[in-house]
Amino acid sequence: MNQMTPIGNEEILISADAKRIADQAAEKALVRRLAAHCNRFRDPDDRRALLEVALTVVPFLVLGAAMIWLAVGAEATLGVWRWLVLLLIAPVEGAFLVRLFAIQHDCGHGSLTSSRTANRWIGRGLSVFTFTPYALWQLDGDVSVIAA
């Protein structure tokens, strides 16, 4: 029986046990809600995938062109300040490069789009920017996932 008795530490033990059971129930409910939320993203969404590729490739190319202009042709406009602007843009360009690699990684696992062919072509196209040979990396990636 679960009775609260004022004798010694027994009351504390019974209430701690009830709290543990309540915490476990709350944790299970949280896991169920999280699983339901994540299930929405289980299957590829082709429109979203193309949007993400565009929202990454376009700024990457624009920032890259701006960096080239700053390094080569902006001396008359900005003078010495062009190097400061270049240093400010470089980390942002690096972040877009990391995002391109993450998208390429998803293509390698076949999880970016629902089309295997589209995943391959997008992955190959992005490998030009990431300097990662897509076909070789895809094979190596499959082996490392199997080994893990």
C-alpha atoms as a PDB file:
ATOM      1  CA  MET A   1       0.000   0.000   0.000  1.00  0.00           C
ATOM      2  CA  ASN A   2       1.158   3.518  -0.743  1.00  0.00           C
ATOM      3  CA  GLN A   3       0.427   5.334   2.463  1.00  0.00           C
ATOM      4  CA  MET A   4       2.196   8.366   3.759  1.00  0.00           C
ATOM      5  CA  THR A   5       3.446   7.625   7.259  1.00  0.00           C
ATOM      6  CA  PRO A   6       5.226  10.157   9.428  1.00  0.00           C
ATOM      7  CA  ILE A   7       7.632   7.567  10.843  1.00  0.00           C
ATOM      8  CA  GLY A   8      11.295   8.173   9.993  1.00  0.00           C
ATOM      9  CA  ASN A   9      12.303   8.564   6.339  1.00  0.00           C
ATOM     10  CA  GLU A  10       9.541   6.304   5.033  1.00  0.00           C
ATOM     11  CA  GLU A  11       7.364   9.283   4.051  1.00  0.00           C
ATOM     12  CA  ILE A  12      10.197  10.760   1.969  1.00  0.00           C
ATOM     13  CA  LEU A  13      10.837   7.440   0.218  1.00  0.00           C
ATOM     14  CA  ILE A  14       7.192   6.972  -0.735  1.00  0.00           C
ATOM     15  CA  SER A  15       6.849  10.529  -2.069  1.00  0.00           C
ATOM     16  CA  ALA A  16      10.169  10.222  -3.974  1.00  0.00           C
ATOM     17  CA  ASP A  17       8.899   7.010  -5.575  1.00  0.00           C
ATOM     18  CA  ALA A  18       5.679   8.712  -6.645  1.00  0.00           C
ATOM     19  CA  LYS A  19       7.678  11.620  -8.106  1.00  0.00           C
ATOM     20  CA  ARG A  20       9.900   9.203 -10.056  1.00  0.00           C
ATOM     21  CA  ILE A  21       6.845   7.495 -11.559  1.00  0.00           C
ATOM     22  CA  ALA A  22       5.354  10.866 -12.532  1.00  0.00           C
ATOM     23  CA  ASP A  23       8.684  11.951 -14.084  1.00  0.00           C
ATOM     24  CA  GLN A  24       8.829   8.743 -16.133  1.00  0.00           C
ATOM     25  CA  ALA A  25       5.292   9.311 -17.429  1.00  0.00           C
ATOM     26  CA  ALA A  26       6.123  12.906 -18.359  1.00  0.00           C
ATOM     27  CA  GLU A  27       9.300  11.760 -20.119  1.00  0.00           C
ATOM     28  CA  LYS A  28       7.376   9.145 -22.135  1.00  0.00           C
ATOM     29  CA  ALA A  29       4.832  11.774 -23.172  1.00  0.00           C
ATOM     30  CA  LEU A  30       7.636  14.114 -24.231  1.00  0.00           C
ATOM     31  CA  VAL A  31       9.277  11.358 -26.307  1.00  0.00           C
ATOM     32  CA  ARG A  32       5.931  10.627 -28.020  1.00  0.00           C
ATOM     33  CA  ARG A  33       5.441  14.323 -28.871  1.00  0.00           C
ATOM     34  CA  LEU A  34       9.002  14.590 -30.161  1.00  0.00           C
ATOM     35  CA  ALA A  35       8.599  11.468 -32.317  1.00  0.00           C
ATOM     36  CA  ALA A  36       5.331  12.810 -33.767  1.00  0.00           C
ATOM     37  CA  HIS A  37       7.047  16.120 -34.550  1.00  0.00           C
ATOM     38  CA  CYS A  38      10.039  14.421 -36.203  1.00  0.00           C
ATOM     39  CA  ASN A  39       7.851  12.124 -38.323  1.00  0.00           C
ATOM     40  CA  ARG A  40       6.858  15.176 -40.381  1.00  0.00           C
ATOM     41  CA  PHE A  41      10.452  15.356 -41.640  1.00  0.00           C
ATOM     42  CA  ARG A  42      10.997  11.652 -42.242  1.00  0.00           C
ATOM     43  CA  ASP A  43      10.183  11.670 -45.948  1.00  0.00           C
ATOM     44  CA  PRO A  44      11.903  14.016 -48.422  1.00  0.00           C
ATOM     45  CA  ASP A  45      10.008  17.067 -49.653  1.00  0.00           C
ATOM     46  CA  ASP A  46      11.238  17.830 -53.181  1.00  0.00           C
ATOM     47  CA  ARG A  47       9.985  21.422 -53.251  1.00  0.00           C
ATOM     48  CA  ARG A  48      11.615  22.175 -49.914  1.00  0.00           C
ATOM     49  CA  ALA A  49      14.837  20.491 -51.053  1.00  0.00           C
ATOM     50  CA  LEU A  50      15.070  22.657 -54.176  1.00  0.00           C
ATOM     51  CA  LEU A  51      14.280  25.748 -52.126  1.00  0.00           C
ATOM     52  CA  GLU A  52      17.075  24.913 -49.667  1.00  0.00           C
ATOM     53  CA  VAL A  53      19.537  24.299 -52.502  1.00  0.00           C
ATOM     54  CA  ALA A  54      18.614  27.631 -54.110  1.00  0.00           C
ATOM     55  CA  LEU A  55      18.754  29.503 -50.787  1.00  0.00           C
ATOM     56  CA  THR A  56      22.270  28.184 -50.290  1.00  0.00           C
ATOM     57  CA  VAL A  57      23.811  28.206 -53.779  1.00  0.00           C
ATOM     58  CA  VAL A  58      22.657  31.710 -54.778  1.00  0.00           C
ATOM     59  CA  PRO A  59      24.064  33.534 -51.713  1.00  0.00           C
ATOM     60  CA  PHE A  60      27.219  31.419 -51.925  1.00  0.00           C
ATOM     61  CA  LEU A  61      27.802  32.514 -55.526  1.00  0.00           C
ATOM     62  CA  VAL A  62      26.912  36.153 -54.833  1.00  0.00           C
ATOM     63  CA  LEU A  63      29.240  36.338 -51.828  1.00  0.00           C
ATOM     64  CA  GLY A  64      31.979  34.568 -53.789  1.00  0.00           C
ATOM     65  CA  ALA A  65      31.664  37.096 -56.604  1.00  0.00           C
ATOM     66  CA  ALA A  66      31.738  39.930 -54.066  1.00  0.00           C
ATOM     67  CA  MET A  67      34.887  38.497 -52.498  1.00  0.00           C
ATOM     68  CA  ILE A  68      36.599  38.234 -55.881  1.00  0.00           C
ATOM     69  CA  TRP A  69      35.605  41.820 -56.692  1.00  0.00           C
ATOM     70  CA  LEU A  70      36.901  43.010 -53.320  1.00  0.00           C
ATOM     71  CA  ALA A  71      40.220  41.231 -53.801  1.00  0.00           C
ATOM     72  CA  VAL A  72      40.757  42.273 -57.417  1.00  0.00           C
ATOM     73  CA  GLY A  73      38.703  45.284 -58.458  1.00  0.00           C
ATOM     74  CA  ALA A  74      37.622  47.292 -55.430  1.00  0.00           C
ATOM     75  CA  GLU A  75      40.870  49.129 -54.790  1.00  0.00           C
ATOM     76  CA  ALA A  76      39.687  52.313 -56.507  1.00  0.00           C
ATOM     77  CA  THR A  77      36.361  52.267 -54.646  1.00  0.00           C
ATOM     78  CA  LEU A  78      37.277  51.129 -51.136  1.00  0.00           C
ATOM     79  CA  GLY A  79      41.045  51.401 -50.976  1.00  0.00           C
ATOM     80  CA  VAL A  80      42.557  49.600 -48.022  1.00  0.00           C
ATOM     81  CA  TRP A  81      39.131  49.106 -46.418  1.00  0.00           C
ATOM     82  CA  ARG A  82      38.338  46.393 -48.965  1.00  0.00           C
ATOM     83  CA  TRP A  83      40.409  43.931 -46.918  1.00  0.00           C
ATOM     84  CA  LEU A  84      38.335  44.595 -43.812  1.00  0.00           C
ATOM     85  CA  VAL A  85      35.126  44.051 -45.768  1.00  0.00           C
ATOM     86  CA  LEU A  86      36.624  40.895 -47.242  1.00  0.00           C
ATOM     87  CA  LEU A  87      37.475  39.613 -43.757  1.00  0.00           C
ATOM     88  CA  LEU A  88      33.900  40.266 -42.640  1.00  0.00           C
ATOM     89  CA  ILE A  89      32.381  38.426 -45.611  1.00  0.00           C
ATOM     90  CA  ALA A  90      34.721  35.407 -45.489  1.00  0.00           C
ATOM     91  CA  PRO A  91      33.163  33.672 -42.425  1.00  0.00           C
ATOM     92  CA  VAL A  92      29.681  34.038 -43.904  1.00  0.00           C
ATOM     93  CA  GLU A  93      30.892  32.514 -47.162  1.00  0.00           C
ATOM     94  CA  GLY A  94      32.472  29.709 -45.126  1.00  0.00           C
ATOM     95  CA  ALA A  95      29.158  29.027 -43.393  1.00  0.00           C
ATOM     96  CA  PHE A  96      27.429  28.703 -46.766  1.00  0.00           C
ATOM     97  CA  LEU A  97      30.166  26.303 -47.873  1.00  0.00           C
ATOM     98  CA  VAL A  98      29.528  24.125 -44.821  1.00  0.00           C
ATOM     99  CA  ARG A  99      25.808  24.195 -45.633  1.00  0.00           C
ATOM    100  CA  LEU A 100      26.561  23.138 -49.214  1.00  0.00           C
ATOM    101  CA  PHE A 101      28.527  20.187 -47.868  1.00  0.00           C
ATOM    102  CA  ALA A 102      25.650  19.246 -45.552  1.00  0.00           C
ATOM    103  CA  ILE A 103      23.256  19.256 -48.508  1.00  0.00           C
ATOM    104  CA  GLN A 104      25.754  17.193 -50.510  1.00  0.00           C
ATOM    105  CA  HIS A 105      25.927  14.791 -47.565  1.00  0.00           C
ATOM    106  CA  ASP A 106      22.150  14.405 -47.602  1.00  0.00           C
ATOM    107  CA  CYS A 107      22.333  13.681 -51.328  1.00  0.00           C
ATOM    108  CA  GLY A 108      24.906  10.975 -50.631  1.00  0.00           C
ATOM    109  CA  HIS A 109      22.475   9.268 -48.283  1.00  0.00           C
ATOM    110  CA  GLY A 110      19.641   9.712 -50.781  1.00  0.00           C
ATOM    111  CA  SER A 111      17.609  11.743 -48.306  1.00  0.00           C
ATOM    112  CA  LEU A 112      17.464  15.208 -49.890  1.00  0.00           C
ATOM    113  CA  THR A 113      14.888  14.430 -52.588  1.00  0.00           C
ATOM    114  CA  SER A 114      12.688  11.455 -53.346  1.00  0.00           C
ATOM    115  CA  SER A 115      14.520  10.904 -56.654  1.00  0.00           C
ATOM    116  CA  ARG A 116      17.747   8.959 -56.572  1.00  0.00           C
ATOM    117  CA  THR A 117      18.813  10.537 -59.866  1.00  0.00           C
ATOM    118  CA  ALA A 118      18.146  14.068 -58.582  1.00  0.00           C
ATOM    119  CA  ASN A 119      20.147  13.324 -55.415  1.00  0.00           C
ATOM    120  CA  ARG A 120      23.078  12.156 -57.517  1.00  0.00           C
ATOM    121  CA  TRP A 121      23.067  15.177 -59.841  1.00  0.00           C
ATOM    122  CA  ILE A 122      22.632  17.697 -57.043  1.00  0.00           C
ATOM    123  CA  GLY A 123      25.398  15.990 -55.061  1.00  0.00           C
ATOM    124  CA  ARG A 124      27.719  15.994 -58.067  1.00  0.00           C
ATOM    125  CA  GLY A 125      26.967  19.650 -58.777  1.00  0.00           C
ATOM    126  CA  LEU A 126      27.654  20.676 -55.191  1.00  0.00           C
ATOM    127  CA  SER A 127      30.908  18.713 -55.138  1.00  0.00           C
ATOM    128  CA  VAL A 128      32.322  21.302 -57.542  1.00  0.00           C
ATOM    129  CA  PHE A 129      32.007  23.905 -54.765  1.00  0.00           C
ATOM    130  CA  THR A 130      33.014  21.683 -51.835  1.00  0.00           C
ATOM    131  CA  PHE A 131      36.019  20.134 -53.624  1.00  0.00           C
ATOM    132  CA  THR A 132      34.801  16.718 -52.504  1.00  0.00           C
ATOM    133  CA  PRO A 133      34.622  14.033 -55.220  1.00  0.00           C
ATOM    134  CA  TYR A 134      30.996  13.028 -54.829  1.00  0.00           C
ATOM    135  CA  ALA A 135      31.113   9.474 -56.217  1.00  0.00           C
ATOM    136  CA  LEU A 136      34.143   8.524 -54.121  1.00  0.00           C
ATOM    137  CA  TRP A 137      32.780  10.255 -51.039  1.00  0.00           C
ATOM    138  CA  GLN A 138      29.378   8.597 -51.486  1.00  0.00           C
ATOM    139  CA  LEU A 139      30.974   5.137 -51.488  1.00  0.00           C
ATOM    140  CA  ASP A 140      33.173   5.987 -48.487  1.00  0.00           C
ATOM    141  CA  GLY A 141      30.168   7.469 -46.680  1.00  0.00           C
ATOM    142  CA  ASP A 142      28.147   4.312 -47.203  1.00  0.00           C
ATOM    143  CA  VAL A 143      30.968   2.202 -45.762  1.00  0.00           C
ATOM    144  CA  SER A 144      31.353   4.441 -42.705  1.00  0.00           C
ATOM    145  CA  VAL A 145      27.611   4.366 -41.998  1.00  0.00           C
ATOM    146  CA  ILE A 146      27.579   0.569 -42.246  1.00  0.00           C
ATOM    147  CA  ALA A 147      30.626   0.324 -39.944  1.00  0.00           C
ATOM    148  CA  ALA A 148      29.039   2.597 -37.340  1.00  0.00           C
END
